């Protein structure tokens, strides 16, 4: 990213580059043994690697810089990007960040923080996301909340599900989410492992946002 201007804060904010961190490792084993040889983000959906859907979605939302964070199978992901259009065009700028010793999302985020690559607000997204969502409203809500509350750290975007079969996929656990109805602040986020616990969860998922900045 370009060095920050020594001018006023308003000028710096105006020049802030919209950045996304794309996680090319899910840090799970749900797709094994398939993912022993190939990363999940390169598995095909309608003959197109999942990674391509995520990159196209971020480009559609006018993201200017995409950092593809690689752990397992980093060489395959780098080779795929080298053969794709993404490294040959100016916008969005796509680059890879490799850290092969991370075993969880938390370790991955700490690694990124230690590398001091990200300087401001960023979008964190899984590399197997298939979406056509407009991120504009979520980004606007995030910035407004961050201006109001310096202790806010993150805005989560969640989608309600209304069909029972959509709630459990490929062994995923049920999820219990509690929100403060007055400000949509996330109060509780808990995975429910047992069928009995899952039965007590609300039928519908919940959507909520808790704003903040990096």
N, C-alpha and C. Protein backbone atom coordinates (compact mmCIF):
# COMPACT_ATOMS: atom_id res chain seq x y z
N UNK A 1 0.84 -1.19 0.00
CA UNK A 1 0.00 0.00 0.00
C UNK A 1 0.87 1.24 0.00
N UNK A 2 0.34 2.32 -0.56
CA UNK A 2 1.10 3.56 -0.63
C UNK A 2 1.32 4.14 0.76
N UNK A 3 2.44 4.83 0.97
CA UNK A 3 2.68 5.46 2.27
C UNK A 3 1.59 6.46 2.59
N UNK A 4 1.27 6.58 3.86
CA UNK A 4 0.23 7.51 4.28
C UNK A 4 0.69 8.94 4.10
N UNK A 5 -0.20 9.79 3.68
CA UNK A 5 0.10 11.21 3.52
C UNK A 5 0.30 11.86 4.87
N UNK A 6 1.13 12.89 4.90
CA UNK A 6 1.35 13.63 6.14
C UNK A 6 0.32 14.73 6.32
N UNK A 7 -0.64 14.79 5.42
CA UNK A 7 -1.69 15.81 5.52
C UNK A 7 -2.70 15.46 6.58
N UNK A 8 -3.89 16.04 6.49
CA UNK A 8 -4.93 15.82 7.49
C UNK A 8 -5.52 14.44 7.41
N UNK A 9 -6.24 14.08 8.49
CA UNK A 9 -6.86 12.77 8.55
C UNK A 9 -7.89 12.57 7.46
N UNK A 10 -8.62 13.63 7.10
CA UNK A 10 -9.64 13.52 6.06
C UNK A 10 -9.01 13.14 4.73
N UNK A 11 -7.83 13.71 4.44
CA UNK A 11 -7.16 13.40 3.19
C UNK A 11 -6.71 11.94 3.16
N UNK A 12 -6.20 11.45 4.30
CA UNK A 12 -5.76 10.07 4.38
C UNK A 12 -6.94 9.13 4.18
N UNK A 13 -8.08 9.44 4.81
CA UNK A 13 -9.26 8.58 4.70
C UNK A 13 -9.75 8.53 3.25
N UNK A 14 -9.68 9.70 2.56
CA UNK A 14 -10.15 9.76 1.18
C UNK A 14 -9.30 8.88 0.27
N UNK A 15 -8.02 8.70 0.61
CA UNK A 15 -7.11 7.94 -0.23
C UNK A 15 -6.99 6.48 0.21
N UNK A 16 -7.72 6.07 1.21
CA UNK A 16 -7.62 4.70 1.71
C UNK A 16 -8.03 3.71 0.64
N UNK A 17 -7.20 2.71 0.43
CA UNK A 17 -7.45 1.70 -0.58
C UNK A 17 -8.36 0.62 0.00
N UNK A 18 -9.41 0.26 -0.73
CA UNK A 18 -10.31 -0.79 -0.27
C UNK A 18 -9.61 -2.14 -0.47
N UNK A 19 -9.30 -2.78 0.64
CA UNK A 19 -8.49 -4.01 0.63
C UNK A 19 -9.32 -5.19 1.14
N UNK A 20 -9.06 -6.36 0.57
CA UNK A 20 -9.68 -7.60 1.05
C UNK A 20 -8.59 -8.62 1.35
N UNK A 21 -8.78 -9.35 2.43
CA UNK A 21 -7.94 -10.50 2.74
C UNK A 21 -8.77 -11.74 2.43
N UNK A 22 -8.33 -12.50 1.44
CA UNK A 22 -9.03 -13.70 1.01
C UNK A 22 -8.31 -14.91 1.60
N UNK A 23 -9.02 -15.66 2.43
CA UNK A 23 -8.43 -16.83 3.09
C UNK A 23 -8.50 -18.03 2.15
N UNK A 24 -7.34 -18.46 1.67
CA UNK A 24 -7.29 -19.60 0.75
C UNK A 24 -7.15 -20.92 1.49
N UNK A 25 -7.28 -20.89 2.80
CA UNK A 25 -7.25 -22.10 3.62
C UNK A 25 -8.42 -22.02 4.60
N UNK A 26 -9.21 -23.08 4.67
CA UNK A 26 -10.37 -23.08 5.56
C UNK A 26 -10.00 -23.50 6.98
N UNK A 27 -8.79 -24.04 7.17
CA UNK A 27 -8.31 -24.51 8.48
C UNK A 27 -9.22 -25.58 9.07
N UNK A 28 -9.90 -26.33 8.21
CA UNK A 28 -10.74 -27.45 8.65
C UNK A 28 -10.39 -28.68 7.81
N UNK A 29 -10.98 -29.83 8.20
CA UNK A 29 -10.71 -31.07 7.47
C UNK A 29 -12.00 -31.67 6.92
N UNK A 30 -13.03 -30.86 6.75
CA UNK A 30 -14.34 -31.39 6.36
C UNK A 30 -14.33 -31.99 4.96
N UNK A 31 -13.45 -31.53 4.08
CA UNK A 31 -13.45 -32.03 2.70
C UNK A 31 -12.39 -33.12 2.47
N UNK A 32 -11.75 -33.58 3.53
CA UNK A 32 -10.81 -34.68 3.35
C UNK A 32 -11.54 -35.96 2.99
N UNK A 33 -10.97 -36.81 2.16
CA UNK A 33 -9.58 -36.81 1.67
C UNK A 33 -9.35 -35.98 0.40
N UNK A 34 -10.41 -35.33 -0.13
CA UNK A 34 -10.24 -34.59 -1.38
C UNK A 34 -9.18 -33.51 -1.25
N UNK A 35 -9.18 -32.81 -0.12
CA UNK A 35 -8.27 -31.68 0.04
C UNK A 35 -6.86 -32.07 0.49
N UNK A 36 -6.60 -33.37 0.58
CA UNK A 36 -5.23 -33.79 0.88
C UNK A 36 -4.30 -33.44 -0.29
N UNK A 37 -4.84 -33.54 -1.50
CA UNK A 37 -4.04 -33.28 -2.70
C UNK A 37 -4.31 -31.92 -3.32
N UNK A 38 -5.46 -31.34 -3.05
CA UNK A 38 -5.82 -30.06 -3.69
C UNK A 38 -6.56 -29.19 -2.69
N UNK A 39 -6.26 -27.87 -2.65
CA UNK A 39 -6.95 -27.00 -1.69
C UNK A 39 -8.42 -26.83 -2.05
N UNK A 40 -9.23 -26.62 -1.05
CA UNK A 40 -10.68 -26.47 -1.26
C UNK A 40 -10.99 -25.35 -2.23
N UNK A 41 -10.24 -24.24 -2.17
CA UNK A 41 -10.55 -23.09 -3.02
C UNK A 41 -10.33 -23.39 -4.50
N UNK A 42 -9.61 -24.46 -4.82
CA UNK A 42 -9.41 -24.82 -6.22
C UNK A 42 -10.32 -25.96 -6.67
N UNK A 43 -11.20 -26.43 -5.78
CA UNK A 43 -12.18 -27.42 -6.20
C UNK A 43 -13.20 -26.76 -7.12
N UNK A 44 -13.66 -27.46 -8.16
CA UNK A 44 -14.53 -26.82 -9.15
C UNK A 44 -16.00 -26.79 -8.77
N UNK A 45 -16.65 -25.71 -9.14
CA UNK A 45 -18.10 -25.59 -9.09
C UNK A 45 -18.54 -25.18 -10.48
N UNK A 46 -19.26 -26.06 -11.16
CA UNK A 46 -19.62 -25.87 -12.58
C UNK A 46 -18.35 -25.61 -13.39
N UNK A 47 -17.34 -26.44 -13.15
CA UNK A 47 -16.07 -26.42 -13.89
C UNK A 47 -15.24 -25.16 -13.67
N UNK A 48 -15.55 -24.40 -12.64
CA UNK A 48 -14.79 -23.20 -12.32
C UNK A 48 -14.32 -23.29 -10.87
N UNK A 49 -13.03 -23.09 -10.59
CA UNK A 49 -12.55 -23.15 -9.20
C UNK A 49 -13.28 -22.16 -8.31
N UNK A 50 -13.57 -22.56 -7.09
CA UNK A 50 -14.29 -21.70 -6.15
C UNK A 50 -13.59 -20.36 -5.96
N UNK A 51 -12.28 -20.38 -5.99
CA UNK A 51 -11.51 -19.15 -5.82
C UNK A 51 -11.90 -18.08 -6.84
N UNK A 52 -12.20 -18.51 -8.05
CA UNK A 52 -12.56 -17.55 -9.11
C UNK A 52 -13.87 -16.82 -8.79
N UNK A 53 -14.82 -17.52 -8.21
CA UNK A 53 -16.09 -16.88 -7.83
C UNK A 53 -15.84 -15.79 -6.79
N UNK A 54 -14.99 -16.08 -5.82
CA UNK A 54 -14.72 -15.11 -4.77
C UNK A 54 -13.99 -13.89 -5.32
N UNK A 55 -13.00 -14.10 -6.16
CA UNK A 55 -12.27 -12.98 -6.76
C UNK A 55 -13.19 -12.12 -7.63
N UNK A 56 -14.04 -12.75 -8.40
CA UNK A 56 -14.97 -11.99 -9.25
C UNK A 56 -15.93 -11.16 -8.40
N UNK A 57 -16.38 -11.73 -7.29
CA UNK A 57 -17.29 -11.01 -6.40
C UNK A 57 -16.62 -9.80 -5.78
N UNK A 58 -15.39 -9.96 -5.34
CA UNK A 58 -14.66 -8.82 -4.76
C UNK A 58 -14.41 -7.75 -5.82
N UNK A 59 -14.07 -8.17 -7.03
CA UNK A 59 -13.87 -7.20 -8.11
C UNK A 59 -15.17 -6.46 -8.42
N UNK A 60 -16.29 -7.19 -8.40
CA UNK A 60 -17.60 -6.57 -8.64
C UNK A 60 -17.90 -5.49 -7.62
N UNK A 61 -17.39 -5.68 -6.39
CA UNK A 61 -17.61 -4.72 -5.32
C UNK A 61 -16.51 -3.64 -5.27
N UNK A 62 -15.74 -3.56 -6.35
CA UNK A 62 -14.73 -2.49 -6.51
C UNK A 62 -13.63 -2.53 -5.44
N UNK A 63 -13.31 -3.74 -4.99
CA UNK A 63 -12.16 -3.90 -4.10
C UNK A 63 -10.91 -3.64 -4.93
N UNK A 64 -10.01 -2.83 -4.41
CA UNK A 64 -8.84 -2.41 -5.17
C UNK A 64 -7.62 -3.29 -4.95
N UNK A 65 -7.53 -3.90 -3.79
CA UNK A 65 -6.37 -4.74 -3.47
C UNK A 65 -6.84 -6.00 -2.77
N UNK A 66 -6.40 -7.16 -3.28
CA UNK A 66 -6.78 -8.45 -2.70
C UNK A 66 -5.53 -9.20 -2.29
N UNK A 67 -5.44 -9.52 -1.01
CA UNK A 67 -4.32 -10.31 -0.48
C UNK A 67 -4.82 -11.74 -0.29
N UNK A 68 -4.30 -12.66 -1.05
CA UNK A 68 -4.70 -14.07 -0.96
C UNK A 68 -3.78 -14.74 0.06
N UNK A 69 -4.35 -15.07 1.23
CA UNK A 69 -3.56 -15.64 2.32
C UNK A 69 -3.53 -17.15 2.17
N UNK A 70 -2.34 -17.71 1.95
CA UNK A 70 -2.18 -19.13 1.66
C UNK A 70 -1.44 -19.84 2.78
N UNK A 71 -1.91 -21.02 3.11
CA UNK A 71 -1.20 -21.89 4.07
C UNK A 71 -0.93 -23.22 3.38
N UNK A 72 -1.86 -24.16 3.51
CA UNK A 72 -1.69 -25.46 2.84
C UNK A 72 -1.82 -25.29 1.32
N UNK A 73 -1.02 -26.06 0.58
CA UNK A 73 -1.06 -26.06 -0.89
C UNK A 73 -0.81 -24.66 -1.48
N UNK A 74 0.03 -23.88 -0.83
CA UNK A 74 0.29 -22.52 -1.30
C UNK A 74 0.83 -22.50 -2.73
N UNK A 75 1.67 -23.47 -3.08
CA UNK A 75 2.27 -23.49 -4.42
C UNK A 75 1.20 -23.68 -5.50
N UNK A 76 0.20 -24.53 -5.22
CA UNK A 76 -0.87 -24.73 -6.20
C UNK A 76 -1.68 -23.45 -6.41
N UNK A 77 -1.95 -22.75 -5.32
CA UNK A 77 -2.75 -21.52 -5.42
C UNK A 77 -1.97 -20.44 -6.17
N UNK A 78 -0.69 -20.32 -5.88
CA UNK A 78 0.14 -19.34 -6.58
C UNK A 78 0.24 -19.68 -8.06
N UNK A 79 0.35 -20.96 -8.39
CA UNK A 79 0.42 -21.38 -9.80
C UNK A 79 -0.89 -21.07 -10.52
N UNK A 80 -2.02 -21.31 -9.84
CA UNK A 80 -3.32 -21.01 -10.45
C UNK A 80 -3.45 -19.52 -10.74
N UNK A 81 -3.08 -18.70 -9.79
CA UNK A 81 -3.18 -17.25 -9.99
C UNK A 81 -2.24 -16.78 -11.10
N UNK A 82 -1.06 -17.40 -11.19
CA UNK A 82 -0.11 -17.01 -12.23
C UNK A 82 -0.65 -17.30 -13.62
N UNK A 83 -1.47 -18.34 -13.74
CA UNK A 83 -2.05 -18.71 -15.04
C UNK A 83 -3.37 -18.01 -15.32
N UNK A 84 -3.88 -17.27 -14.34
CA UNK A 84 -5.18 -16.61 -14.49
C UNK A 84 -5.02 -15.17 -14.95
N UNK A 85 -6.12 -14.48 -15.08
CA UNK A 85 -6.08 -13.07 -15.50
C UNK A 85 -5.72 -12.13 -14.37
N UNK A 86 -5.79 -12.61 -13.12
CA UNK A 86 -5.76 -11.70 -11.98
C UNK A 86 -4.42 -11.02 -11.78
N UNK A 87 -3.34 -11.69 -12.09
CA UNK A 87 -2.03 -11.08 -11.91
C UNK A 87 -1.60 -10.25 -13.12
N UNK A 88 -2.44 -10.26 -14.16
CA UNK A 88 -2.09 -9.55 -15.39
C UNK A 88 -2.84 -8.22 -15.54
N UNK A 89 -3.69 -7.89 -14.59
CA UNK A 89 -4.47 -6.65 -14.69
C UNK A 89 -4.16 -5.73 -13.53
N UNK A 90 -4.44 -4.46 -13.73
CA UNK A 90 -4.10 -3.45 -12.74
C UNK A 90 -5.07 -3.41 -11.57
N UNK A 91 -6.33 -3.66 -11.84
CA UNK A 91 -7.32 -3.55 -10.78
C UNK A 91 -8.33 -4.70 -10.88
N UNK A 92 -8.57 -5.38 -9.76
CA UNK A 92 -7.89 -5.20 -8.47
C UNK A 92 -6.48 -5.78 -8.49
N UNK A 93 -5.61 -5.25 -7.65
CA UNK A 93 -4.27 -5.78 -7.52
C UNK A 93 -4.35 -7.03 -6.64
N UNK A 94 -3.89 -8.15 -7.16
CA UNK A 94 -3.96 -9.41 -6.43
C UNK A 94 -2.55 -9.89 -6.13
N UNK A 95 -2.29 -10.22 -4.87
CA UNK A 95 -0.99 -10.75 -4.49
C UNK A 95 -1.20 -11.83 -3.44
N UNK A 96 -0.20 -12.66 -3.24
CA UNK A 96 -0.31 -13.75 -2.27
C UNK A 96 0.56 -13.46 -1.05
N UNK A 97 0.07 -13.92 0.08
CA UNK A 97 0.83 -13.89 1.34
C UNK A 97 0.88 -15.32 1.84
N UNK A 98 2.08 -15.86 2.01
CA UNK A 98 2.23 -17.27 2.37
C UNK A 98 2.73 -17.40 3.80
N UNK A 99 2.04 -18.23 4.57
CA UNK A 99 2.47 -18.55 5.93
C UNK A 99 2.07 -20.00 6.19
N UNK A 100 2.98 -20.92 5.97
CA UNK A 100 2.64 -22.34 5.95
C UNK A 100 2.53 -22.98 7.32
N UNK A 101 2.85 -22.26 8.39
CA UNK A 101 2.81 -22.87 9.72
C UNK A 101 1.58 -22.49 10.53
N UNK A 102 0.59 -21.87 9.90
CA UNK A 102 -0.64 -21.49 10.61
C UNK A 102 -1.63 -22.65 10.62
N UNK A 103 -2.21 -22.92 11.79
CA UNK A 103 -3.16 -24.03 11.93
C UNK A 103 -4.58 -23.56 12.19
N UNK A 104 -4.79 -22.25 12.32
CA UNK A 104 -6.12 -21.73 12.60
C UNK A 104 -6.25 -20.33 12.03
N UNK A 105 -7.49 -19.86 11.98
CA UNK A 105 -7.73 -18.50 11.50
C UNK A 105 -7.03 -17.48 12.39
N UNK A 106 -7.08 -17.71 13.71
CA UNK A 106 -6.45 -16.78 14.64
C UNK A 106 -4.95 -16.66 14.39
N UNK A 107 -4.30 -17.81 14.15
CA UNK A 107 -2.87 -17.78 13.86
C UNK A 107 -2.60 -17.07 12.55
N UNK A 108 -3.49 -17.25 11.57
CA UNK A 108 -3.34 -16.57 10.30
C UNK A 108 -3.43 -15.06 10.44
N UNK A 109 -4.39 -14.60 11.24
CA UNK A 109 -4.55 -13.16 11.44
C UNK A 109 -3.37 -12.58 12.20
N UNK A 110 -2.84 -13.33 13.16
CA UNK A 110 -1.65 -12.86 13.88
C UNK A 110 -0.45 -12.76 12.94
N UNK A 111 -0.34 -13.73 12.03
CA UNK A 111 0.75 -13.70 11.07
C UNK A 111 0.66 -12.46 10.17
N UNK A 112 -0.55 -12.16 9.72
CA UNK A 112 -0.75 -10.96 8.90
C UNK A 112 -0.40 -9.70 9.67
N UNK A 113 -0.81 -9.66 10.93
CA UNK A 113 -0.53 -8.49 11.76
C UNK A 113 0.98 -8.31 11.95
N UNK A 114 1.69 -9.41 12.15
CA UNK A 114 3.13 -9.34 12.33
C UNK A 114 3.86 -8.88 11.07
N UNK A 115 3.29 -9.21 9.91
CA UNK A 115 3.90 -8.78 8.65
C UNK A 115 3.64 -7.29 8.38
N UNK A 116 2.69 -6.70 9.12
CA UNK A 116 2.40 -5.27 9.00
C UNK A 116 2.07 -4.87 7.56
N UNK A 117 1.23 -5.70 6.92
CA UNK A 117 0.85 -5.44 5.53
C UNK A 117 -0.38 -4.56 5.44
N UNK A 118 -1.34 -4.79 6.33
CA UNK A 118 -2.61 -4.08 6.27
C UNK A 118 -2.54 -2.83 7.14
N UNK A 119 -2.90 -1.71 6.55
CA UNK A 119 -2.77 -0.43 7.24
C UNK A 119 -4.10 0.18 7.67
N UNK A 120 -5.20 -0.35 7.21
CA UNK A 120 -6.49 0.26 7.54
C UNK A 120 -7.62 -0.75 7.50
N UNK A 121 -8.81 -0.28 7.22
CA UNK A 121 -10.00 -1.13 7.15
C UNK A 121 -9.85 -2.16 6.03
N UNK A 122 -10.29 -3.39 6.29
CA UNK A 122 -10.20 -4.41 5.25
C UNK A 122 -11.38 -5.37 5.36
N UNK A 123 -11.64 -6.06 4.26
CA UNK A 123 -12.68 -7.09 4.18
C UNK A 123 -12.01 -8.45 4.37
N UNK A 124 -12.53 -9.26 5.26
CA UNK A 124 -12.02 -10.61 5.48
C UNK A 124 -13.03 -11.60 4.94
N UNK A 125 -12.62 -12.45 4.01
CA UNK A 125 -13.57 -13.33 3.35
C UNK A 125 -12.92 -14.69 3.08
N UNK A 126 -13.72 -15.73 3.16
CA UNK A 126 -13.25 -17.07 2.83
C UNK A 126 -13.12 -17.20 1.31
N UNK A 127 -12.10 -17.94 0.88
CA UNK A 127 -11.84 -18.08 -0.54
C UNK A 127 -12.79 -18.99 -1.29
N UNK A 128 -13.78 -19.57 -0.61
CA UNK A 128 -14.78 -20.41 -1.29
C UNK A 128 -16.15 -19.75 -1.27
N UNK A 129 -16.18 -18.42 -1.18
CA UNK A 129 -17.45 -17.69 -1.13
C UNK A 129 -18.04 -17.53 -2.52
N UNK A 130 -19.30 -17.90 -2.65
CA UNK A 130 -20.04 -17.69 -3.90
C UNK A 130 -21.18 -16.74 -3.58
N UNK A 131 -21.11 -15.52 -4.06
CA UNK A 131 -22.08 -14.50 -3.66
C UNK A 131 -22.20 -13.42 -4.73
N UNK A 132 -23.34 -12.75 -4.74
CA UNK A 132 -23.50 -11.54 -5.55
C UNK A 132 -23.92 -10.36 -4.68
N UNK A 133 -23.65 -10.47 -3.38
CA UNK A 133 -24.04 -9.43 -2.43
C UNK A 133 -23.31 -8.13 -2.69
N UNK A 134 -24.05 -7.02 -2.59
CA UNK A 134 -23.46 -5.69 -2.65
C UNK A 134 -22.90 -5.35 -1.27
N UNK A 135 -21.59 -5.20 -1.16
CA UNK A 135 -20.96 -4.92 0.12
C UNK A 135 -21.03 -3.45 0.53
N UNK A 136 -21.51 -2.60 -0.37
CA UNK A 136 -21.56 -1.16 -0.09
C UNK A 136 -22.28 -0.80 1.20
N UNK A 137 -23.51 -1.29 1.43
CA UNK A 137 -24.21 -0.95 2.68
C UNK A 137 -23.48 -1.42 3.93
N UNK A 138 -22.88 -2.61 3.88
CA UNK A 138 -22.16 -3.12 5.05
C UNK A 138 -20.92 -2.28 5.32
N UNK A 139 -20.21 -1.87 4.27
CA UNK A 139 -19.02 -1.04 4.45
C UNK A 139 -19.39 0.33 5.01
N UNK A 140 -20.51 0.88 4.51
CA UNK A 140 -20.96 2.19 5.00
C UNK A 140 -21.35 2.12 6.47
N UNK A 141 -22.06 1.04 6.85
CA UNK A 141 -22.45 0.86 8.25
C UNK A 141 -21.23 0.69 9.13
N UNK A 142 -20.26 -0.05 8.62
CA UNK A 142 -19.03 -0.28 9.37
C UNK A 142 -18.28 1.03 9.63
N UNK A 143 -18.13 1.85 8.61
CA UNK A 143 -17.39 3.10 8.75
C UNK A 143 -18.12 4.07 9.67
N UNK A 144 -19.45 4.10 9.55
CA UNK A 144 -20.22 4.99 10.41
C UNK A 144 -20.09 4.58 11.87
N UNK A 145 -20.14 3.28 12.13
CA UNK A 145 -20.02 2.77 13.50
C UNK A 145 -18.61 2.98 14.04
N UNK A 146 -17.61 2.82 13.18
CA UNK A 146 -16.22 3.01 13.62
C UNK A 146 -15.95 4.46 13.97
N UNK A 147 -16.54 5.38 13.22
CA UNK A 147 -16.37 6.80 13.53
C UNK A 147 -16.99 7.15 14.88
N UNK A 148 -18.06 6.43 15.22
CA UNK A 148 -18.81 6.71 16.44
C UNK A 148 -18.19 6.03 17.66
N UNK A 149 -17.58 4.86 17.44
CA UNK A 149 -17.11 4.05 18.56
C UNK A 149 -15.71 3.54 18.25
N UNK A 150 -14.70 4.13 18.86
CA UNK A 150 -13.32 3.75 18.57
C UNK A 150 -13.00 2.34 19.07
N UNK A 151 -13.82 1.78 19.95
CA UNK A 151 -13.58 0.44 20.47
C UNK A 151 -14.22 -0.65 19.61
N UNK A 152 -15.00 -0.25 18.62
CA UNK A 152 -15.60 -1.25 17.72
C UNK A 152 -14.49 -1.89 16.89
N UNK A 153 -14.56 -3.18 16.68
CA UNK A 153 -13.46 -3.89 16.01
C UNK A 153 -13.85 -4.57 14.71
N UNK A 154 -15.12 -4.85 14.50
CA UNK A 154 -15.47 -5.67 13.34
C UNK A 154 -16.95 -5.54 13.01
N UNK A 155 -17.27 -5.68 11.73
CA UNK A 155 -18.65 -5.79 11.28
C UNK A 155 -18.82 -7.17 10.65
N UNK A 156 -19.72 -7.96 11.18
CA UNK A 156 -20.00 -9.28 10.62
C UNK A 156 -21.22 -9.20 9.71
N UNK A 157 -21.15 -9.90 8.60
CA UNK A 157 -22.29 -9.99 7.69
C UNK A 157 -22.78 -11.43 7.70
N UNK A 158 -24.02 -11.63 8.12
CA UNK A 158 -24.59 -12.97 8.23
C UNK A 158 -25.93 -13.01 7.50
N UNK A 159 -26.28 -14.19 7.03
CA UNK A 159 -27.52 -14.35 6.26
C UNK A 159 -28.45 -15.32 6.96
N UNK A 160 -29.72 -14.92 7.14
CA UNK A 160 -30.67 -15.85 7.77
C UNK A 160 -30.96 -17.06 6.86
N UNK A 161 -31.22 -18.20 7.47
CA UNK A 161 -31.67 -19.36 6.71
C UNK A 161 -33.04 -19.76 7.23
N UNK A 162 -33.91 -20.12 6.31
CA UNK A 162 -35.30 -20.41 6.69
C UNK A 162 -35.68 -21.87 6.46
N UNK A 163 -34.77 -22.63 5.88
CA UNK A 163 -35.05 -24.04 5.64
C UNK A 163 -34.11 -24.89 6.49
N UNK A 164 -34.63 -25.88 7.22
CA UNK A 164 -33.77 -26.70 8.09
C UNK A 164 -32.59 -27.34 7.36
N UNK A 165 -32.81 -27.78 6.10
CA UNK A 165 -31.73 -28.48 5.40
C UNK A 165 -30.59 -27.54 5.03
N UNK A 166 -30.84 -26.22 5.05
CA UNK A 166 -29.77 -25.28 4.74
C UNK A 166 -28.87 -25.01 5.93
N UNK A 167 -29.31 -25.41 7.12
CA UNK A 167 -28.56 -25.06 8.33
C UNK A 167 -27.40 -26.00 8.60
N UNK A 168 -27.51 -27.24 8.14
CA UNK A 168 -26.45 -28.21 8.40
C UNK A 168 -25.94 -28.75 7.07
N UNK A 169 -24.68 -28.44 6.74
CA UNK A 169 -24.11 -28.89 5.49
C UNK A 169 -22.76 -29.55 5.76
N UNK A 170 -22.59 -30.75 5.22
CA UNK A 170 -21.31 -31.43 5.29
C UNK A 170 -20.74 -31.50 6.69
N UNK A 171 -21.62 -31.77 7.67
CA UNK A 171 -21.15 -31.93 9.03
C UNK A 171 -20.98 -30.64 9.81
N UNK A 172 -21.38 -29.50 9.23
CA UNK A 172 -21.28 -28.23 9.96
C UNK A 172 -22.16 -28.28 11.20
N UNK A 173 -21.71 -27.60 12.24
CA UNK A 173 -22.51 -27.54 13.46
C UNK A 173 -23.58 -26.46 13.33
N UNK A 174 -24.62 -26.58 14.16
CA UNK A 174 -25.62 -25.52 14.24
C UNK A 174 -25.00 -24.32 14.93
N UNK A 175 -25.57 -23.16 14.70
CA UNK A 175 -25.00 -21.93 15.22
C UNK A 175 -26.05 -21.16 16.00
N UNK A 176 -25.70 -20.71 17.20
CA UNK A 176 -26.57 -19.88 18.01
C UNK A 176 -25.99 -18.46 18.04
N UNK A 177 -26.79 -17.49 17.60
CA UNK A 177 -26.36 -16.09 17.55
C UNK A 177 -27.34 -15.25 18.34
N UNK A 178 -26.83 -14.42 19.25
CA UNK A 178 -27.69 -13.50 20.03
C UNK A 178 -27.25 -12.07 19.75
N UNK A 179 -28.25 -11.21 19.46
CA UNK A 179 -27.98 -9.82 19.13
C UNK A 179 -28.71 -8.89 20.07
N UNK A 180 -28.14 -7.72 20.29
CA UNK A 180 -28.84 -6.63 20.98
C UNK A 180 -29.72 -5.95 19.94
N UNK A 181 -31.04 -6.03 20.11
CA UNK A 181 -31.96 -5.51 19.10
C UNK A 181 -31.88 -3.99 18.94
N UNK A 182 -31.34 -3.30 19.92
CA UNK A 182 -31.28 -1.84 19.84
C UNK A 182 -30.16 -1.34 18.94
N UNK A 183 -29.06 -2.12 18.83
CA UNK A 183 -27.94 -1.64 18.02
C UNK A 183 -27.29 -2.73 17.16
N UNK A 184 -27.88 -3.94 17.16
CA UNK A 184 -27.39 -5.08 16.38
C UNK A 184 -26.00 -5.56 16.83
N UNK A 185 -25.60 -5.19 18.04
CA UNK A 185 -24.31 -5.66 18.55
C UNK A 185 -24.38 -7.16 18.83
N UNK A 186 -23.34 -7.86 18.43
CA UNK A 186 -23.27 -9.30 18.65
C UNK A 186 -22.95 -9.59 20.11
N UNK A 187 -23.84 -10.31 20.77
CA UNK A 187 -23.67 -10.63 22.19
C UNK A 187 -23.17 -12.06 22.40
N UNK A 188 -23.58 -12.96 21.52
CA UNK A 188 -23.19 -14.37 21.69
C UNK A 188 -23.10 -15.03 20.33
N UNK A 189 -22.05 -15.81 20.15
CA UNK A 189 -21.83 -16.56 18.91
C UNK A 189 -21.30 -17.92 19.33
N UNK A 190 -22.15 -18.93 19.23
CA UNK A 190 -21.77 -20.24 19.77
C UNK A 190 -22.15 -21.35 18.82
N UNK A 191 -21.19 -22.23 18.55
CA UNK A 191 -21.47 -23.42 17.76
C UNK A 191 -22.05 -24.49 18.68
N UNK A 192 -23.12 -25.15 18.22
CA UNK A 192 -23.80 -26.17 19.01
C UNK A 192 -23.47 -27.53 18.42
N UNK A 193 -22.64 -28.28 19.11
CA UNK A 193 -22.12 -29.53 18.56
C UNK A 193 -23.11 -30.68 18.60
N UNK A 194 -23.88 -30.78 19.69
CA UNK A 194 -24.74 -31.95 19.87
C UNK A 194 -26.10 -31.71 19.23
N UNK A 195 -26.75 -32.79 18.72
CA UNK A 195 -28.10 -32.66 18.16
C UNK A 195 -29.08 -32.07 19.16
N UNK A 196 -28.93 -32.41 20.45
CA UNK A 196 -29.85 -31.90 21.47
C UNK A 196 -29.70 -30.39 21.61
N UNK A 197 -28.46 -29.93 21.60
CA UNK A 197 -28.22 -28.49 21.70
C UNK A 197 -28.72 -27.78 20.46
N UNK A 198 -28.51 -28.41 19.30
CA UNK A 198 -28.96 -27.80 18.06
C UNK A 198 -30.47 -27.67 18.02
N UNK A 199 -31.17 -28.65 18.61
CA UNK A 199 -32.63 -28.62 18.61
C UNK A 199 -33.15 -27.43 19.38
N UNK A 200 -32.38 -26.94 20.35
CA UNK A 200 -32.83 -25.80 21.14
C UNK A 200 -32.50 -24.47 20.51
N UNK A 201 -31.78 -24.47 19.40
CA UNK A 201 -31.41 -23.21 18.74
C UNK A 201 -32.58 -22.68 17.94
N UNK A 202 -32.62 -21.37 17.68
CA UNK A 202 -33.67 -20.81 16.86
C UNK A 202 -33.66 -21.43 15.47
N UNK A 203 -34.83 -21.58 14.87
CA UNK A 203 -34.90 -22.21 13.55
C UNK A 203 -34.21 -21.34 12.51
N UNK A 204 -34.35 -20.03 12.62
CA UNK A 204 -33.75 -19.13 11.65
C UNK A 204 -32.41 -18.66 12.15
N UNK A 205 -31.48 -18.49 11.21
CA UNK A 205 -30.23 -17.85 11.54
C UNK A 205 -30.48 -16.38 11.77
N UNK A 206 -29.50 -15.65 12.22
CA UNK A 206 -29.66 -14.23 12.47
C UNK A 206 -28.61 -13.46 11.74
N UNK A 207 -28.93 -12.23 11.37
CA UNK A 207 -27.94 -11.38 10.72
C UNK A 207 -27.65 -10.22 11.63
N UNK A 208 -26.39 -9.88 11.78
CA UNK A 208 -26.02 -8.79 12.65
C UNK A 208 -24.71 -8.19 12.28
N UNK A 209 -24.45 -6.98 12.75
CA UNK A 209 -23.22 -6.30 12.45
C UNK A 209 -22.69 -5.65 13.71
N UNK A 210 -21.38 -5.75 13.87
CA UNK A 210 -20.71 -5.07 14.96
C UNK A 210 -19.54 -4.32 14.34
N UNK A 211 -19.66 -3.04 14.27
CA UNK A 211 -18.74 -2.26 13.45
C UNK A 211 -17.41 -2.05 14.11
N UNK A 212 -16.45 -1.68 13.30
CA UNK A 212 -15.14 -1.35 13.82
C UNK A 212 -14.12 -1.24 12.73
N UNK A 213 -12.86 -1.13 13.10
CA UNK A 213 -11.80 -0.98 12.12
C UNK A 213 -10.56 -1.71 12.59
N UNK A 214 -9.65 -1.95 11.63
CA UNK A 214 -8.41 -2.66 11.93
C UNK A 214 -7.52 -1.79 12.79
